[in-house]
Protein backbone atom coordinates (compact mmCIF):
# COMPACT_ATOMS: atom_id res chain seq x y z
CA MET A 1 0.00 0.00 0.00
CA ILE A 2 1.02 3.60 -0.58
CA LEU A 3 0.06 6.34 1.88
CA ILE A 4 0.13 9.74 0.22
CA GLY A 5 0.55 12.79 2.43
CA GLN A 6 2.85 14.37 4.99
CA TYR A 7 2.80 13.50 8.68
CA ASP A 8 2.31 17.12 9.71
CA SER A 9 -1.31 16.52 8.69
CA PRO A 10 -3.22 15.06 11.65
CA PHE A 11 -5.35 13.08 9.20
CA VAL A 12 -2.36 11.50 7.45
CA ARG A 13 -0.63 10.92 10.76
CA ARG A 14 -3.52 9.00 12.30
CA VAL A 15 -3.51 6.66 9.30
CA GLY A 16 0.28 6.24 9.43
CA VAL A 17 0.16 5.42 13.14
CA ALA A 18 -2.60 2.86 12.58
CA LEU A 19 -0.77 1.20 9.69
CA THR A 20 2.35 0.94 11.81
CA LEU A 21 0.55 -0.40 14.88
CA TYR A 22 -1.19 -2.99 12.72
CA GLY A 23 2.12 -4.02 11.19
CA LEU A 24 0.76 -3.47 7.68
CA PRO A 25 3.55 -2.74 5.17
CA PHE A 26 3.23 0.55 3.32
CA GLU A 27 5.23 3.16 1.45
CA GLN A 28 4.77 6.80 2.30
CA ARG A 29 4.86 9.41 -0.42
CA PRO A 30 5.10 12.74 1.42
CA TRP A 31 3.29 14.78 -1.21
CA SER A 32 1.71 18.11 -0.43
CA SER A 33 -1.80 18.90 -1.61
CA PHE A 34 -0.38 22.24 -2.73
CA GLY A 35 3.12 21.64 -4.07
CA ASP A 36 2.37 18.17 -5.45
CA ALA A 37 -1.20 18.78 -6.53
CA GLU A 38 -0.79 17.41 -10.04
CA LYS A 39 0.75 14.16 -8.84
CA LEU A 40 -1.88 13.77 -6.15
CA ARG A 41 -4.77 14.53 -8.53
CA ALA A 42 -3.85 11.48 -10.58
CA TYR A 43 -4.95 9.37 -7.59
CA ASN A 44 -7.52 11.59 -5.91
CA PRO A 45 -9.55 14.18 -7.86
CA LEU A 46 -10.23 16.03 -4.60
CA THR A 47 -6.47 16.64 -4.30
CA ARG A 48 -6.60 15.90 -0.59
CA VAL A 49 -4.63 13.83 1.86
CA PRO A 50 -4.58 11.20 3.15
CA THR A 51 -4.94 9.11 0.04
CA LEU A 52 -4.27 5.39 0.32
CA VAL A 53 -3.41 3.40 -2.80
CA LEU A 54 -4.14 -0.29 -2.30
CA ASP A 55 -2.00 -3.09 -3.68
CA ASN A 56 -4.62 -3.80 -6.34
CA GLY A 57 -4.56 -0.18 -7.51
CA ASP A 58 -7.83 0.88 -5.89
CA VAL A 59 -7.70 4.20 -4.03
CA LEU A 60 -9.26 5.11 -0.69
CA ILE A 61 -9.74 8.68 0.50
CA GLU A 62 -10.72 10.34 3.82
CA SER A 63 -9.07 9.13 6.99
CA HIS A 64 -12.11 7.52 8.61
CA ALA A 65 -12.93 5.46 5.51
CA ILE A 66 -9.29 4.39 5.31
CA LEU A 67 -9.23 3.30 8.95
CA ASP A 68 -12.49 1.41 8.53
CA TYR A 69 -10.84 -0.54 5.72
CA LEU A 70 -7.67 -1.17 7.74
CA ASP A 71 -9.76 -2.54 10.60
CA SER A 72 -11.12 -5.13 8.17
CA LEU A 73 -7.59 -6.41 7.49
CA VAL A 74 -6.84 -7.43 11.07
CA PRO A 75 -8.55 -9.90 13.44
CA ALA A 76 -11.61 -8.41 15.09
CA GLU A 77 -9.95 -8.40 18.51
CA ARG A 78 -7.15 -6.16 17.15
CA ALA A 79 -9.38 -3.63 15.41
CA MET A 80 -8.96 -0.19 16.99
CA PHE A 81 -12.60 0.76 16.61
CA PRO A 82 -14.80 -1.45 18.82
CA LYS A 83 -17.12 -3.81 16.99
CA ASP A 84 -19.93 -3.87 19.56
CA GLU A 85 -22.31 -1.14 20.69
CA PRO A 86 -22.40 1.10 22.61
CA ALA A 87 -18.59 1.09 22.68
CA ARG A 88 -18.41 1.58 18.90
CA TYR A 89 -20.53 4.71 18.63
CA ARG A 90 -18.86 6.22 21.69
CA ALA A 91 -15.42 5.77 20.15
CA LEU A 92 -16.68 7.05 16.79
CA LYS A 93 -18.01 10.18 18.50
CA VAL A 94 -14.69 10.98 20.15
CA ALA A 95 -12.83 10.38 16.90
CA ALA A 96 -15.31 12.57 15.00
CA LEU A 97 -14.90 15.39 17.51
CA ALA A 98 -11.11 15.11 17.23
CA THR A 99 -11.07 15.15 13.43
CA GLY A 100 -13.58 18.00 13.42
CA LEU A 101 -11.29 19.85 15.81
CA ALA A 102 -8.37 19.34 13.45
CA ASP A 103 -10.47 20.42 10.50
CA LYS A 104 -11.39 23.68 12.22
CA ALA A 105 -7.71 24.28 12.95
CA VAL A 106 -6.90 23.76 9.26
CA ILE A 107 -9.68 26.13 8.19
CA LEU A 108 -8.47 28.76 10.65
CA PHE A 109 -4.93 28.46 9.30
CA TYR A 110 -6.04 28.97 5.69
CA GLU A 111 -8.32 31.84 6.63
CA LYS A 112 -5.35 33.69 8.05
CA ARG A 113 -2.86 32.67 5.36
CA LEU A 114 -4.74 32.77 2.07
CA HIS A 115 -7.09 35.73 2.49
CA GLN A 116 -5.79 39.24 2.15
CA THR A 117 -8.62 40.44 4.37
CA VAL A 118 -9.22 38.09 7.26
CA SER A 119 -12.79 37.69 8.49
CA ASP A 120 -12.76 38.39 12.21
CA LEU A 121 -16.22 36.85 12.46
CA TRP A 122 -15.05 33.59 10.86
CA VAL A 123 -11.88 33.49 12.96
CA GLN A 124 -13.90 33.92 16.14
CA ARG A 125 -16.33 31.22 15.03
CA CYS A 126 -13.47 28.78 14.47
CA ARG A 127 -11.90 29.64 17.80
CA THR A 128 -15.20 29.12 19.59
CA GLN A 129 -15.70 25.75 17.92
CA ILE A 130 -12.18 24.68 18.86
CA SER A 131 -12.59 25.68 22.50
CA GLU A 132 -16.02 24.05 22.79
CA VAL A 133 -14.80 20.77 21.33
CA LEU A 134 -11.78 20.78 23.64
CA ALA A 135 -14.09 21.32 26.61
CA ALA A 136 -16.31 18.41 25.54
CA LEU A 137 -13.35 16.09 25.00
CA GLU A 138 -11.80 17.14 28.31
CA ALA A 139 -14.99 16.32 30.20
CA ASP A 140 -15.22 12.92 28.55
CA ARG A 141 -11.55 12.02 29.05
CA ALA A 142 -11.48 13.23 32.65
CA GLY A 143 -14.24 10.77 33.49
CA ARG A 144 -12.34 7.77 32.15
CA PRO A 145 -9.47 6.21 34.14
CA GLY A 146 -6.62 4.41 32.46
CA ASP A 147 -3.98 5.19 29.89
CA TYR A 148 -6.39 4.96 26.97
CA TRP A 149 -9.82 6.41 26.26
CA PHE A 150 -11.68 3.12 25.95
CA GLY A 151 -10.34 0.06 27.72
CA ASP A 152 -6.79 -1.15 28.18
CA ARG A 153 -5.36 -0.65 24.69
CA ILE A 154 -4.91 2.14 22.21
CA GLY A 155 -7.70 2.91 19.76
CA HIS A 156 -8.39 5.17 16.80
CA ALA A 157 -10.05 7.72 19.09
CA ASP A 158 -6.87 8.01 21.18
CA ILE A 159 -4.76 8.54 18.08
CA ALA A 160 -7.11 11.10 16.53
CA VAL A 161 -7.14 13.24 19.67
CA ALA A 162 -3.35 13.19 20.08
CA ALA A 163 -2.78 14.01 16.39
CA ALA A 164 -5.24 16.91 16.49
CA LEU A 165 -3.71 18.39 19.64
CA ARG A 166 -0.18 18.19 18.20
CA PHE A 167 -1.38 19.97 15.06
CA ILE A 168 -3.12 22.77 16.94
CA GLY A 169 -0.11 23.30 19.18
CA GLU A 170 2.26 23.67 16.22
CA VAL A 171 0.05 25.59 13.79
CA HIS A 172 -1.68 27.88 16.28
CA ALA A 173 0.88 28.35 19.03
CA GLY A 174 -0.66 30.22 21.94
CA LEU A 175 -4.24 29.75 20.74
CA VAL A 176 -5.00 27.22 23.48
CA SER A 177 -3.53 26.76 26.94
CA MET A 178 -3.55 23.03 27.56
CA ASP A 179 -3.29 23.75 31.29
CA ALA A 180 -7.03 24.35 31.03
CA PHE A 181 -7.45 20.81 29.71
CA PRO A 182 -5.25 18.66 31.94
CA ALA A 183 -6.82 15.32 31.02
CA LEU A 184 -6.27 15.98 27.31
CA ARG A 185 -2.78 17.34 27.95
CA ASP A 186 -1.77 14.21 29.83
CA HIS A 187 -3.43 11.95 27.29
CA ALA A 188 -1.53 13.52 24.41
CA ALA A 189 1.77 13.51 26.28
CA ARG A 190 1.38 9.81 27.07
CA LEU A 191 0.78 8.92 23.43
CA GLU A 192 3.45 11.23 22.04
CA ALA A 193 5.97 9.41 24.23
CA MET A 194 5.23 6.14 22.43
CA PRO A 195 7.82 5.03 19.81
CA VAL A 196 5.23 4.89 17.03
CA PHE A 197 4.36 8.55 17.55
CA HIS A 198 8.04 9.46 17.28
CA GLU A 199 8.35 7.42 14.10
CA ILE A 200 5.19 8.76 12.46
CA SER A 201 5.86 12.42 13.02
CA GLN A 202 6.90 15.57 11.19
CA PRO A 203 7.14 19.21 12.23
CA PHE A 204 4.55 21.38 10.55
CA ILE A 205 5.56 22.74 7.15
CA ALA A 206 3.41 25.60 5.91
CA PRO A 207 2.29 25.06 2.28
CA ALA A 208 4.04 27.22 -0.25
């Protein structure tokens, strides 16, 4: 398999971490959706990352769809989204909040970088959404003991939250004080200390 995208993207990173934890062999092509748009478009007409090229040539897009496919490649007991309810929808909710959080951080970055006149109203909306999601995730995580969000092993929800927090911290330094979210701060620090998070990692590179 070929994973297209750079690890400074929280969406690409969550897929790279999952592939590595699952022990699934893959090649990374660190293409940018800006600088390598033409190469990327040949695989994904949306020109977005992550894009996963399967061994048979089929192409998967969007991180959640990719992870759903990867879960099908491993035994059910190893899948990092639970199979049974209500554990499944609870994990999906946390992962959706985390990826939505990352998406708002991306939108905020482009609003400030690509528009000559920045919309203060839009910036404030994004900031409010980010802070509200962090508060919701903090309340959920604070009520769950253990090293991981759900149970005694790492899951996709854990990875999504850590990847989103790393992205926000690098792209919007000073936007959020993680001291206000101690459960999330500790959660992210615990995961970032894991070897796989060191391996699947890249400092943020602003698109040219």
